[in-house]
Amino acid sequence: MSGLTPVLTNFLKLCGLRQSRIDNCDLNTRLYHDLGIYGEVAEGCMEVLVDDYQVDMTNFDFKTYFPLEFPGKTGVSRFLLWQIPFARRIVECKADYSPLTLGMIEAIIHSKQWPESPRV
């Protein structure tokens, strides 16, 4: 059984995770790095924040935390990465994505707002 709050457990269920996966999560669990959530599934989880928890996602930048469903900058590169499975892993391993932990998600749910990105 996980040590997550009911709010986070419900969030993960709404994102489509099975209870057996939820049971292995804690506040430091990262959506992409640990749970492998990315692309359309990650978009769906962010929609859960908006639709079910009324979070203002104005400041959210998807590409900071998650790879797209099909990485690549052009249609040709996306096609090649889709056709050659190991190439996608190579590209994604080299990409740096900021961790988005369940602890962060819980804080965002309670504040009802995605925090502003630090200005450079």
Foldseek 3Di string as FASTA:
>chain_A
DAPDDPVLVVLVVQLPDDVVVVRPAYQAAFCCPHVVDAAPSVVSSVVCLCPVLVAAEVQPDRVQAHAHPQDDDDPVNSVVCVVDVVVVVVVVVPDDHDTDGSNNVVVRSVVSYDDHDDDD
